[in-house]
N, C-alpha and C. Protein backbone atom coordinates (compact mmCIF):
# COMPACT_ATOMS: atom_id res chain seq x y z
N MET A 1 106.22 110.52 115.54
CA MET A 1 105.03 109.68 115.61
C MET A 1 105.32 108.36 114.88
N PRO A 2 105.12 107.21 115.52
CA PRO A 2 105.42 105.93 114.87
C PRO A 2 104.48 105.66 113.70
N CYS A 3 104.99 104.88 112.73
CA CYS A 3 104.16 104.47 111.61
C CYS A 3 103.07 103.53 112.11
N ARG A 4 101.93 103.58 111.48
CA ARG A 4 100.84 102.67 111.78
C ARG A 4 100.39 102.04 110.48
N VAL A 5 100.52 100.72 110.40
CA VAL A 5 100.29 100.01 109.15
C VAL A 5 99.53 98.72 109.42
N VAL A 6 98.51 98.45 108.60
CA VAL A 6 97.82 97.16 108.63
C VAL A 6 98.01 96.52 107.27
N CYS A 7 98.68 95.36 107.24
CA CYS A 7 98.88 94.60 106.00
C CYS A 7 97.88 93.46 105.96
N ILE A 8 97.04 93.43 104.93
CA ILE A 8 96.02 92.40 104.82
C ILE A 8 96.27 91.57 103.57
N SER A 9 96.67 90.32 103.80
CA SER A 9 96.83 89.35 102.72
C SER A 9 95.58 88.49 102.68
N HIS A 10 95.20 88.02 101.51
CA HIS A 10 93.94 87.26 101.44
C HIS A 10 93.93 86.26 100.30
N ALA A 11 93.28 85.15 100.55
CA ALA A 11 93.05 84.15 99.52
C ALA A 11 91.91 84.61 98.62
N THR A 12 91.99 84.30 97.34
CA THR A 12 90.93 84.65 96.40
C THR A 12 89.60 84.05 96.86
N GLY A 13 88.57 84.88 96.91
CA GLY A 13 87.25 84.42 97.32
C GLY A 13 86.99 84.49 98.81
N ALA A 14 88.00 84.93 99.58
CA ALA A 14 87.82 85.00 101.04
C ALA A 14 87.22 86.32 101.48
N GLY A 15 87.06 87.27 100.55
CA GLY A 15 86.48 88.57 100.90
C GLY A 15 87.50 89.57 101.40
N GLY A 16 88.77 89.30 101.19
CA GLY A 16 89.81 90.15 101.77
C GLY A 16 89.90 91.54 101.18
N ALA A 17 89.65 91.68 99.88
CA ALA A 17 89.75 93.01 99.27
C ALA A 17 88.70 93.95 99.83
N GLU A 18 87.46 93.47 99.90
CA GLU A 18 86.38 94.28 100.48
C GLU A 18 86.68 94.58 101.94
N LEU A 19 87.15 93.58 102.66
CA LEU A 19 87.46 93.75 104.08
C LEU A 19 88.53 94.81 104.28
N ALA A 20 89.58 94.79 103.45
CA ALA A 20 90.66 95.75 103.59
C ALA A 20 90.15 97.18 103.43
N ARG A 21 89.26 97.38 102.47
CA ARG A 21 88.69 98.72 102.27
C ARG A 21 87.86 99.14 103.48
N LEU A 22 87.09 98.20 104.03
CA LEU A 22 86.29 98.51 105.22
C LEU A 22 87.17 98.88 106.41
N VAL A 23 88.26 98.13 106.59
CA VAL A 23 89.18 98.42 107.69
C VAL A 23 89.79 99.81 107.53
N ALA A 24 90.20 100.13 106.31
CA ALA A 24 90.78 101.45 106.07
C ALA A 24 89.77 102.55 106.40
N ASP A 25 88.54 102.34 106.02
CA ASP A 25 87.50 103.33 106.29
C ASP A 25 87.27 103.48 107.80
N ARG A 26 87.24 102.36 108.50
CA ARG A 26 86.95 102.41 109.94
C ARG A 26 88.10 102.99 110.75
N LEU A 27 89.32 102.80 110.26
CA LEU A 27 90.47 103.38 110.95
C LEU A 27 90.81 104.78 110.46
N GLY A 28 90.19 105.20 109.36
CA GLY A 28 90.52 106.49 108.77
C GLY A 28 91.88 106.49 108.10
N PHE A 29 92.28 105.33 107.57
CA PHE A 29 93.59 105.16 106.94
C PHE A 29 93.46 105.23 105.42
N LEU A 30 94.57 105.52 104.77
CA LEU A 30 94.67 105.39 103.32
C LEU A 30 94.62 103.91 102.97
N TYR A 31 93.98 103.57 101.84
CA TYR A 31 93.96 102.19 101.37
C TYR A 31 94.76 102.09 100.08
N VAL A 32 95.68 101.12 100.03
CA VAL A 32 96.51 100.88 98.85
C VAL A 32 96.54 99.39 98.58
N ASP A 33 96.42 98.98 97.32
CA ASP A 33 96.65 97.58 96.99
C ASP A 33 97.58 97.49 95.79
N GLU A 34 98.08 96.28 95.54
CA GLU A 34 99.07 96.11 94.47
C GLU A 34 98.46 96.35 93.10
N ASP A 35 97.13 96.15 92.96
CA ASP A 35 96.49 96.42 91.68
C ASP A 35 96.50 97.91 91.36
N ILE A 36 96.29 98.74 92.39
CA ILE A 36 96.35 100.19 92.19
C ILE A 36 97.73 100.60 91.70
N VAL A 37 98.76 100.03 92.31
CA VAL A 37 100.12 100.38 91.92
C VAL A 37 100.41 99.91 90.49
N ALA A 38 100.01 98.67 90.18
CA ALA A 38 100.26 98.14 88.84
C ALA A 38 99.50 98.93 87.79
N ARG A 39 98.24 99.30 88.09
CA ARG A 39 97.45 100.08 87.14
C ARG A 39 98.06 101.46 86.93
N ALA A 40 98.56 102.04 88.02
CA ALA A 40 99.19 103.36 87.90
C ALA A 40 100.37 103.31 86.95
N ALA A 41 101.19 102.26 87.09
CA ALA A 41 102.36 102.11 86.23
C ALA A 41 101.94 101.86 84.79
N ALA A 42 100.97 100.95 84.60
CA ALA A 42 100.55 100.59 83.24
C ALA A 42 99.83 101.74 82.55
N GLN A 43 98.92 102.41 83.26
CA GLN A 43 98.13 103.47 82.65
C GLN A 43 98.99 104.70 82.34
N ALA A 44 100.05 104.87 83.12
CA ALA A 44 100.93 106.00 82.87
C ALA A 44 101.88 105.73 81.71
N GLY A 45 101.90 104.49 81.19
CA GLY A 45 102.77 104.15 80.07
C GLY A 45 104.24 104.31 80.41
N LEU A 46 104.62 103.84 81.60
CA LEU A 46 105.98 104.07 82.08
C LEU A 46 107.01 103.33 81.24
N GLU A 47 108.13 103.98 81.05
CA GLU A 47 109.25 103.31 80.40
C GLU A 47 109.85 102.31 81.37
N PRO A 48 110.27 101.14 80.86
CA PRO A 48 110.87 100.14 81.74
C PRO A 48 112.02 100.68 82.58
N ARG A 49 112.81 101.59 82.03
CA ARG A 49 113.94 102.10 82.81
C ARG A 49 113.48 102.89 84.03
N ASP A 50 112.25 103.47 83.96
CA ASP A 50 111.75 104.22 85.11
C ASP A 50 111.44 103.30 86.28
N VAL A 51 111.10 102.04 85.96
CA VAL A 51 110.78 101.08 87.01
C VAL A 51 112.02 100.29 87.40
N ALA A 52 112.90 100.03 86.46
CA ALA A 52 114.06 99.19 86.72
C ALA A 52 115.15 99.92 87.50
N ASP A 53 115.31 101.22 87.28
CA ASP A 53 116.35 101.98 87.95
C ASP A 53 115.91 102.29 89.38
N GLU A 54 116.78 102.00 90.36
CA GLU A 54 116.41 102.12 91.77
C GLU A 54 115.99 103.53 92.15
N GLU A 55 116.78 104.54 91.78
CA GLU A 55 116.46 105.90 92.16
C GLU A 55 115.19 106.39 91.49
N ARG A 56 115.05 106.07 90.20
CA ARG A 56 113.82 106.46 89.51
C ARG A 56 112.61 105.76 90.11
N ARG A 57 112.81 104.49 90.51
CA ARG A 57 111.71 103.73 91.09
C ARG A 57 111.27 104.34 92.41
N LYS A 58 112.23 104.76 93.23
CA LYS A 58 111.88 105.38 94.51
C LYS A 58 111.10 106.66 94.30
N SER A 59 111.55 107.47 93.34
CA SER A 59 110.85 108.71 93.04
C SER A 59 109.45 108.42 92.51
N LEU A 60 109.35 107.43 91.63
CA LEU A 60 108.06 107.07 91.06
C LEU A 60 107.12 106.54 92.13
N ALA A 61 107.63 105.67 93.02
CA ALA A 61 106.80 105.12 94.08
C ALA A 61 106.25 106.24 94.96
N SER A 62 107.08 107.22 95.25
CA SER A 62 106.65 108.35 96.06
C SER A 62 105.52 109.11 95.38
N ARG A 63 105.64 109.32 94.07
CA ARG A 63 104.59 110.04 93.33
C ARG A 63 103.31 109.23 93.26
N ILE A 64 103.44 107.90 93.14
CA ILE A 64 102.24 107.07 93.11
C ILE A 64 101.50 107.15 94.44
N ILE A 65 102.25 107.09 95.54
CA ILE A 65 101.63 107.19 96.87
C ILE A 65 100.88 108.52 96.99
N ASP A 66 101.54 109.61 96.60
CA ASP A 66 100.91 110.92 96.69
C ASP A 66 99.65 110.98 95.83
N SER A 67 99.71 110.37 94.64
CA SER A 67 98.57 110.37 93.73
C SER A 67 97.40 109.60 94.31
N ILE A 68 97.69 108.44 94.92
CA ILE A 68 96.63 107.64 95.54
C ILE A 68 96.01 108.41 96.69
N ALA A 69 96.84 109.04 97.52
CA ALA A 69 96.34 109.78 98.67
C ALA A 69 95.46 110.95 98.22
N GLU A 70 95.89 111.66 97.20
CA GLU A 70 95.12 112.79 96.70
C GLU A 70 93.80 112.34 96.08
N GLY A 71 93.80 111.11 95.53
CA GLY A 71 92.59 110.60 94.91
C GLY A 71 91.68 109.88 95.87
N GLY A 72 91.99 109.87 97.15
CA GLY A 72 91.13 109.25 98.13
C GLY A 72 91.33 107.75 98.26
N GLY A 73 92.40 107.22 97.68
CA GLY A 73 92.70 105.82 97.84
C GLY A 73 92.20 104.96 96.71
N GLY A 74 91.09 105.33 96.06
CA GLY A 74 90.55 104.50 95.01
C GLY A 74 90.78 105.05 93.63
N ALA A 75 90.90 106.37 93.52
CA ALA A 75 91.10 107.00 92.22
C ALA A 75 92.56 107.33 92.02
N LEU A 76 92.98 107.29 90.77
CA LEU A 76 94.38 107.56 90.47
C LEU A 76 94.53 108.94 89.83
N ALA A 77 95.28 109.80 90.48
CA ALA A 77 95.55 111.12 89.91
C ALA A 77 96.75 111.01 89.00
N LEU A 78 96.52 110.49 87.81
CA LEU A 78 97.64 110.14 86.94
C LEU A 78 98.32 111.36 86.34
N GLY A 79 97.73 112.53 86.50
CA GLY A 79 98.38 113.72 85.98
C GLY A 79 99.72 113.98 86.63
N ALA A 80 99.93 113.39 87.81
CA ALA A 80 101.20 113.58 88.52
C ALA A 80 102.27 112.63 88.03
N LEU A 81 101.90 111.68 87.17
CA LEU A 81 102.84 110.68 86.71
C LEU A 81 103.30 110.99 85.29
N PRO A 82 104.49 110.54 84.91
CA PRO A 82 105.01 110.82 83.57
C PRO A 82 104.26 110.05 82.50
N LEU A 83 103.69 110.74 81.54
CA LEU A 83 102.98 110.09 80.45
C LEU A 83 103.91 109.99 79.25
N VAL A 84 104.33 108.75 78.95
CA VAL A 84 105.27 108.55 77.87
C VAL A 84 104.80 107.38 77.04
N THR A 85 105.30 107.29 75.82
CA THR A 85 104.99 106.16 74.96
C THR A 85 106.19 105.23 74.96
N ALA A 86 105.99 104.01 75.46
CA ALA A 86 107.10 103.07 75.56
C ALA A 86 106.54 101.69 75.77
N ASP A 87 107.44 100.69 75.72
CA ASP A 87 107.03 99.33 76.05
C ASP A 87 106.59 99.28 77.51
N GLN A 88 105.63 98.41 77.78
CA GLN A 88 105.17 98.27 79.16
C GLN A 88 106.27 97.65 80.01
N PRO A 89 106.37 98.05 81.29
CA PRO A 89 107.35 97.43 82.18
C PRO A 89 107.10 95.93 82.28
N SER A 90 108.14 95.16 82.52
CA SER A 90 108.00 93.72 82.67
C SER A 90 107.38 93.40 84.02
N SER A 91 106.95 92.14 84.18
CA SER A 91 106.37 91.71 85.44
C SER A 91 107.37 91.89 86.58
N ALA A 92 108.64 91.55 86.33
CA ALA A 92 109.66 91.70 87.37
C ALA A 92 109.82 93.16 87.77
N GLU A 93 109.75 94.06 86.81
CA GLU A 93 109.89 95.48 87.10
C GLU A 93 108.68 96.00 87.86
N ILE A 94 107.48 95.53 87.49
CA ILE A 94 106.28 95.91 88.23
C ILE A 94 106.37 95.40 89.66
N ARG A 95 106.85 94.17 89.85
CA ARG A 95 106.99 93.63 91.21
C ARG A 95 107.95 94.48 92.03
N ALA A 96 109.04 94.92 91.40
CA ALA A 96 109.99 95.78 92.11
C ALA A 96 109.33 97.09 92.51
N LEU A 97 108.51 97.63 91.61
CA LEU A 97 107.80 98.87 91.91
C LEU A 97 106.81 98.65 93.05
N ILE A 98 106.09 97.52 93.01
CA ILE A 98 105.13 97.21 94.07
C ILE A 98 105.84 97.14 95.43
N ARG A 99 106.97 96.44 95.44
CA ARG A 99 107.69 96.30 96.71
C ARG A 99 108.18 97.66 97.20
N GLU A 100 108.72 98.45 96.31
CA GLU A 100 109.19 99.79 96.69
C GLU A 100 108.04 100.62 97.24
N THR A 101 106.88 100.52 96.60
CA THR A 101 105.73 101.31 97.04
C THR A 101 105.21 100.81 98.38
N ILE A 102 105.22 99.49 98.61
CA ILE A 102 104.84 98.95 99.91
C ILE A 102 105.73 99.52 101.00
N GLU A 103 107.03 99.52 100.76
CA GLU A 103 107.98 100.02 101.77
C GLU A 103 107.76 101.50 102.04
N GLN A 104 107.59 102.30 100.98
CA GLN A 104 107.41 103.73 101.18
C GLN A 104 106.04 104.04 101.79
N THR A 105 105.03 103.26 101.43
CA THR A 105 103.70 103.47 101.99
C THR A 105 103.71 103.17 103.47
N ALA A 106 104.38 102.09 103.86
CA ALA A 106 104.47 101.75 105.28
C ALA A 106 105.19 102.85 106.06
N ALA A 107 106.23 103.40 105.46
CA ALA A 107 106.96 104.48 106.13
C ALA A 107 106.08 105.71 106.32
N ARG A 108 105.14 105.90 105.40
CA ARG A 108 104.20 107.02 105.49
C ARG A 108 103.28 106.87 106.70
N GLY A 109 102.85 105.61 107.00
CA GLY A 109 101.99 105.34 108.13
C GLY A 109 100.53 105.60 107.85
N ASP A 110 99.67 105.21 108.80
CA ASP A 110 98.22 105.37 108.70
C ASP A 110 97.69 104.82 107.38
N VAL A 111 97.99 103.55 107.12
CA VAL A 111 97.64 102.96 105.83
C VAL A 111 97.27 101.50 106.00
N VAL A 112 96.30 101.06 105.20
CA VAL A 112 95.98 99.65 105.06
C VAL A 112 96.49 99.20 103.69
N ILE A 113 97.34 98.18 103.69
CA ILE A 113 97.91 97.66 102.45
C ILE A 113 97.29 96.30 102.17
N GLY A 114 96.50 96.20 101.12
CA GLY A 114 95.87 94.95 100.75
C GLY A 114 96.62 94.32 99.60
N ALA A 115 97.57 93.45 99.88
CA ALA A 115 98.40 92.85 98.84
C ALA A 115 98.94 91.52 99.32
N HIS A 116 99.31 90.65 98.37
CA HIS A 116 99.84 89.34 98.73
C HIS A 116 101.04 89.48 99.66
N ALA A 117 100.88 89.03 100.91
CA ALA A 117 101.99 89.00 101.86
C ALA A 117 102.81 90.28 101.86
N ALA A 118 102.11 91.42 101.81
CA ALA A 118 102.82 92.71 101.77
C ALA A 118 103.73 92.87 102.96
N SER A 119 103.35 92.30 104.11
CA SER A 119 104.18 92.45 105.31
C SER A 119 105.54 91.80 105.15
N GLN A 120 105.68 90.87 104.19
CA GLN A 120 106.97 90.22 103.97
C GLN A 120 108.00 91.20 103.42
N ALA A 121 107.53 92.29 102.84
CA ALA A 121 108.44 93.30 102.31
C ALA A 121 108.94 94.24 103.39
N LEU A 122 108.38 94.13 104.60
CA LEU A 122 108.69 95.06 105.66
C LEU A 122 109.49 94.39 106.77
N ASP A 123 110.33 95.16 107.43
CA ASP A 123 111.05 94.65 108.58
C ASP A 123 110.07 94.36 109.72
N ALA A 124 110.42 93.41 110.58
CA ALA A 124 109.60 93.13 111.75
C ALA A 124 109.44 94.40 112.57
N ASN A 125 108.20 94.74 112.87
CA ASN A 125 107.92 96.03 113.50
C ASN A 125 106.63 95.93 114.27
N ALA A 126 106.65 96.36 115.53
CA ALA A 126 105.45 96.28 116.37
C ALA A 126 104.33 97.16 115.86
N ASP A 127 104.64 98.12 115.00
CA ASP A 127 103.63 99.04 114.48
C ASP A 127 102.97 98.53 113.21
N VAL A 128 103.32 97.31 112.78
CA VAL A 128 102.71 96.69 111.61
C VAL A 128 101.87 95.50 112.07
N LEU A 129 100.57 95.52 111.77
CA LEU A 129 99.69 94.40 112.06
C LEU A 129 99.54 93.57 110.80
N ARG A 130 99.96 92.31 110.86
CA ARG A 130 99.94 91.42 109.70
C ARG A 130 98.72 90.51 109.79
N VAL A 131 97.87 90.57 108.78
CA VAL A 131 96.59 89.85 108.80
C VAL A 131 96.46 88.96 107.58
N LEU A 132 95.93 87.75 107.79
CA LEU A 132 95.59 86.85 106.68
C LEU A 132 94.10 86.57 106.73
N ILE A 133 93.43 86.78 105.61
CA ILE A 133 92.00 86.48 105.50
C ILE A 133 91.86 85.26 104.59
N THR A 134 91.23 84.21 105.12
CA THR A 134 91.11 82.98 104.36
C THR A 134 89.71 82.40 104.55
N ALA A 135 89.44 81.29 103.89
CA ALA A 135 88.16 80.58 104.01
C ALA A 135 88.34 79.22 103.35
N SER A 136 87.39 78.33 103.56
CA SER A 136 87.46 77.01 102.96
C SER A 136 87.28 77.11 101.45
N PRO A 137 87.79 76.13 100.70
CA PRO A 137 87.62 76.15 99.24
C PRO A 137 86.16 76.23 98.81
N SER A 138 85.28 75.56 99.54
CA SER A 138 83.86 75.58 99.16
C SER A 138 83.24 76.97 99.34
N THR A 139 83.57 77.61 100.45
CA THR A 139 83.06 78.97 100.67
C THR A 139 83.61 79.93 99.63
N ARG A 140 84.90 79.82 99.37
CA ARG A 140 85.52 80.71 98.39
C ARG A 140 84.93 80.49 97.00
N ALA A 141 84.73 79.22 96.63
CA ALA A 141 84.16 78.92 95.32
C ALA A 141 82.75 79.48 95.18
N GLN A 142 81.96 79.37 96.24
CA GLN A 142 80.59 79.90 96.18
C GLN A 142 80.60 81.41 96.00
N ARG A 143 81.51 82.08 96.68
CA ARG A 143 81.60 83.54 96.52
C ARG A 143 82.02 83.91 95.10
N ILE A 144 82.95 83.13 94.55
CA ILE A 144 83.37 83.39 93.17
C ILE A 144 82.21 83.17 92.21
N CYS A 145 81.43 82.12 92.44
CA CYS A 145 80.23 81.88 91.61
C CYS A 145 79.31 83.10 91.64
N ASP A 146 79.05 83.59 92.84
CA ASP A 146 78.13 84.73 93.00
C ASP A 146 78.69 86.00 92.38
N GLU A 147 79.99 86.24 92.57
CA GLU A 147 80.60 87.48 92.09
C GLU A 147 80.75 87.51 90.57
N ARG A 148 81.12 86.36 89.99
CA ARG A 148 81.44 86.32 88.57
C ARG A 148 80.35 85.72 87.70
N GLY A 149 79.33 85.15 88.34
CA GLY A 149 78.26 84.54 87.57
C GLY A 149 78.70 83.32 86.80
N ILE A 150 79.58 82.50 87.40
CA ILE A 150 80.08 81.30 86.74
C ILE A 150 79.60 80.07 87.50
N ASP A 151 79.78 78.88 86.90
CA ASP A 151 79.31 77.67 87.57
C ASP A 151 80.35 77.16 88.56
N ALA A 152 79.96 76.12 89.31
CA ALA A 152 80.81 75.62 90.39
C ALA A 152 82.14 75.08 89.88
N ALA A 153 82.11 74.40 88.74
CA ALA A 153 83.36 73.84 88.20
C ALA A 153 84.32 74.95 87.79
N GLN A 154 83.80 75.99 87.15
CA GLN A 154 84.64 77.12 86.76
C GLN A 154 85.20 77.82 87.99
N ALA A 155 84.38 77.96 89.02
CA ALA A 155 84.83 78.61 90.25
C ALA A 155 85.93 77.80 90.92
N ALA A 156 85.78 76.48 90.94
CA ALA A 156 86.80 75.63 91.54
C ALA A 156 88.12 75.75 90.80
N ARG A 157 88.06 75.81 89.47
CA ARG A 157 89.29 75.98 88.69
C ARG A 157 89.91 77.34 88.95
N ALA A 158 89.06 78.37 89.08
CA ALA A 158 89.57 79.71 89.37
C ALA A 158 90.29 79.74 90.71
N ILE A 159 89.73 79.05 91.71
CA ILE A 159 90.37 78.98 93.03
C ILE A 159 91.71 78.26 92.93
N ASP A 160 91.73 77.13 92.23
CA ASP A 160 92.98 76.37 92.08
C ASP A 160 94.05 77.20 91.39
N ASP A 161 93.66 77.90 90.32
CA ASP A 161 94.61 78.73 89.59
C ASP A 161 95.13 79.87 90.47
N ALA A 162 94.22 80.49 91.22
CA ALA A 162 94.62 81.61 92.09
C ALA A 162 95.56 81.14 93.18
N ASP A 163 95.28 79.97 93.76
CA ASP A 163 96.14 79.45 94.82
C ASP A 163 97.52 79.09 94.29
N ALA A 164 97.56 78.51 93.08
CA ALA A 164 98.85 78.18 92.47
C ALA A 164 99.64 79.45 92.18
N GLY A 165 98.95 80.47 91.68
CA GLY A 165 99.60 81.74 91.41
C GLY A 165 100.12 82.39 92.69
N ARG A 166 99.35 82.26 93.76
CA ARG A 166 99.78 82.83 95.05
C ARG A 166 101.04 82.14 95.55
N ARG A 167 101.06 80.80 95.46
CA ARG A 167 102.26 80.07 95.90
C ARG A 167 103.48 80.47 95.09
N ASP A 168 103.27 80.61 93.78
CA ASP A 168 104.38 81.00 92.92
C ASP A 168 104.85 82.41 93.24
N TYR A 169 103.91 83.30 93.48
CA TYR A 169 104.22 84.69 93.83
C TYR A 169 105.07 84.75 95.10
N LEU A 170 104.62 84.03 96.14
CA LEU A 170 105.33 84.04 97.41
C LEU A 170 106.73 83.46 97.27
N LYS A 171 106.86 82.43 96.45
CA LYS A 171 108.15 81.80 96.25
C LYS A 171 109.10 82.73 95.50
N ARG A 172 108.64 83.29 94.39
CA ARG A 172 109.53 84.11 93.56
C ARG A 172 109.78 85.48 94.16
N PHE A 173 108.76 86.05 94.79
CA PHE A 173 108.86 87.42 95.27
C PHE A 173 109.52 87.50 96.65
N TYR A 174 109.21 86.53 97.52
CA TYR A 174 109.69 86.61 98.90
C TYR A 174 110.48 85.38 99.35
N GLY A 175 110.64 84.37 98.46
CA GLY A 175 111.40 83.19 98.83
C GLY A 175 110.70 82.32 99.85
N ILE A 176 109.37 82.38 99.91
CA ILE A 176 108.60 81.59 100.86
C ILE A 176 108.12 80.30 100.18
N ASP A 177 108.61 79.16 100.68
CA ASP A 177 108.21 77.88 100.11
C ASP A 177 106.82 77.46 100.55
N ARG A 178 106.47 77.81 101.78
CA ARG A 178 105.18 77.42 102.32
C ARG A 178 104.65 78.52 103.23
N GLU A 179 103.48 79.03 102.91
CA GLU A 179 102.87 80.08 103.74
C GLU A 179 102.35 79.45 105.03
N LEU A 180 102.66 80.09 106.17
CA LEU A 180 102.28 79.56 107.47
C LEU A 180 101.46 80.59 108.25
N PRO A 181 100.57 80.13 109.14
CA PRO A 181 99.84 81.07 110.00
C PRO A 181 100.77 81.96 110.82
N THR A 182 101.95 81.42 111.17
CA THR A 182 102.89 82.18 111.98
C THR A 182 103.55 83.33 111.22
N HIS A 183 103.29 83.43 109.92
CA HIS A 183 103.74 84.60 109.18
C HIS A 183 102.88 85.83 109.50
N TYR A 184 101.79 85.61 110.24
CA TYR A 184 100.80 86.66 110.48
C TYR A 184 100.52 86.81 111.97
N ASP A 185 100.05 87.99 112.36
CA ASP A 185 99.64 88.24 113.73
C ASP A 185 98.19 87.83 113.97
N LEU A 186 97.39 87.85 112.92
CA LEU A 186 95.97 87.58 113.03
C LEU A 186 95.51 86.85 111.78
N VAL A 187 94.86 85.68 111.97
CA VAL A 187 94.32 84.91 110.85
C VAL A 187 92.81 84.77 111.07
N ILE A 188 92.01 85.15 110.08
CA ILE A 188 90.56 85.09 110.21
C ILE A 188 89.99 84.22 109.09
N ASN A 189 89.15 83.26 109.49
CA ASN A 189 88.44 82.39 108.56
C ASN A 189 87.04 82.97 108.33
N THR A 190 86.76 83.43 107.12
CA THR A 190 85.47 84.05 106.85
C THR A 190 84.38 83.02 106.57
N ASP A 191 84.66 81.72 106.80
CA ASP A 191 83.57 80.75 106.92
C ASP A 191 82.73 81.09 108.14
N MET A 192 83.41 81.57 109.18
CA MET A 192 82.78 81.79 110.49
C MET A 192 82.27 83.20 110.68
N PHE A 193 82.83 84.15 109.92
CA PHE A 193 82.47 85.55 110.10
C PHE A 193 82.10 86.16 108.75
N SER A 194 81.17 87.09 108.76
CA SER A 194 80.90 87.86 107.56
C SER A 194 82.07 88.80 107.32
N VAL A 195 82.15 89.36 106.12
CA VAL A 195 83.22 90.31 105.82
C VAL A 195 83.15 91.50 106.77
N GLU A 196 81.93 91.96 107.06
CA GLU A 196 81.76 93.10 107.96
C GLU A 196 82.22 92.77 109.38
N GLU A 197 81.87 91.57 109.85
CA GLU A 197 82.30 91.15 111.20
C GLU A 197 83.82 91.01 111.26
N ALA A 198 84.40 90.42 110.23
CA ALA A 198 85.85 90.26 110.19
C ALA A 198 86.54 91.61 110.15
N ALA A 199 85.98 92.57 109.40
CA ALA A 199 86.55 93.91 109.34
C ALA A 199 86.54 94.57 110.71
N ASP A 200 85.48 94.34 111.48
CA ASP A 200 85.41 94.88 112.83
C ASP A 200 86.52 94.30 113.71
N ILE A 201 86.75 92.99 113.57
CA ILE A 201 87.80 92.34 114.37
C ILE A 201 89.17 92.94 114.03
N VAL A 202 89.44 93.09 112.74
CA VAL A 202 90.74 93.63 112.32
C VAL A 202 90.89 95.08 112.78
N ALA A 203 89.83 95.87 112.59
CA ALA A 203 89.90 97.28 112.98
C ALA A 203 90.11 97.44 114.48
N ARG A 204 89.41 96.62 115.27
CA ARG A 204 89.60 96.69 116.72
C ARG A 204 91.00 96.24 117.10
N SER A 205 91.47 95.18 116.47
CA SER A 205 92.83 94.69 116.75
C SER A 205 93.86 95.74 116.37
N GLY A 206 93.65 96.36 115.21
CA GLY A 206 94.57 97.40 114.76
C GLY A 206 94.59 98.59 115.68
N SER A 207 93.41 99.02 116.13
CA SER A 207 93.33 100.17 117.02
C SER A 207 94.03 99.89 118.33
N ARG A 208 93.81 98.69 118.88
CA ARG A 208 94.41 98.33 120.16
C ARG A 208 95.91 98.15 120.03
N THR A 209 96.35 97.40 119.00
CA THR A 209 97.77 97.11 118.84
C THR A 209 98.55 98.36 118.47
N LEU A 210 98.01 99.13 117.52
CA LEU A 210 98.76 100.27 117.02
C LEU A 210 98.75 101.46 117.95
N SER A 211 97.76 101.49 118.85
CA SER A 211 97.73 102.59 119.82
C SER A 211 98.63 102.33 121.02
N GLY A 212 99.10 101.05 121.11
CA GLY A 212 99.95 100.70 122.25
C GLY A 212 99.19 100.20 123.44
N ALA A 213 97.86 99.98 123.27
CA ALA A 213 97.05 99.52 124.39
C ALA A 213 97.43 98.11 124.84
N ALA A 214 98.07 97.36 123.91
CA ALA A 214 98.48 96.00 124.27
C ALA A 214 99.81 95.96 125.02
N ASP A 215 100.43 97.12 125.20
CA ASP A 215 101.71 97.19 125.91
C ASP A 215 101.51 96.86 127.39
N PRO A 216 102.14 95.82 127.92
CA PRO A 216 101.94 95.48 129.32
C PRO A 216 102.27 96.61 130.27
N ALA A 217 103.15 97.52 129.85
CA ALA A 217 103.53 98.63 130.72
C ALA A 217 102.51 99.74 130.70
N GLY A 218 101.52 99.64 129.76
CA GLY A 218 100.55 100.71 129.62
C GLY A 218 99.40 100.56 130.58
């Protein structure tokens, strides 16, 4: 059975995190994001060598995936992870763990991955739907105001900081100098659609693409 994966990348304030969870629910897929992986590593008190060593990292990534699946996607069953007292893994080591987990999660199939350009970690594959959720700076800032209870100036700075961090992340993690629409199969502007409407579009696109209904021979 081929893997079925929806990768949802999103700009801060575009509603992508909520949308990714809705898509996972509508498709009946596991939902994983990079924050879940990072929290699993941090809360488990992992030794840096567990994340830095390739074989240990693969084993750890596998256990994190199993823990997320057993917890329903949102809860972490940390009892399955090694509880040790040590220095926290470095950012580079956490990024390596995130990438390893993205790759292993995609191989598992039936999953929505909500992470910065997660599809960049995967080989080109017809069974992976790559989605970008974005919106205008004004729409994103207003959502940040509403969500965080901050003023417009603070929201604008938060958007600028998030966008700068995203560019840096893509450059350092994937070697991407400039993010382009052509990096994705589907780009949705949530200025025009509510999060719920956008989730419907992604879920329908995922169902059609991943089921093979878009195959001209079908």
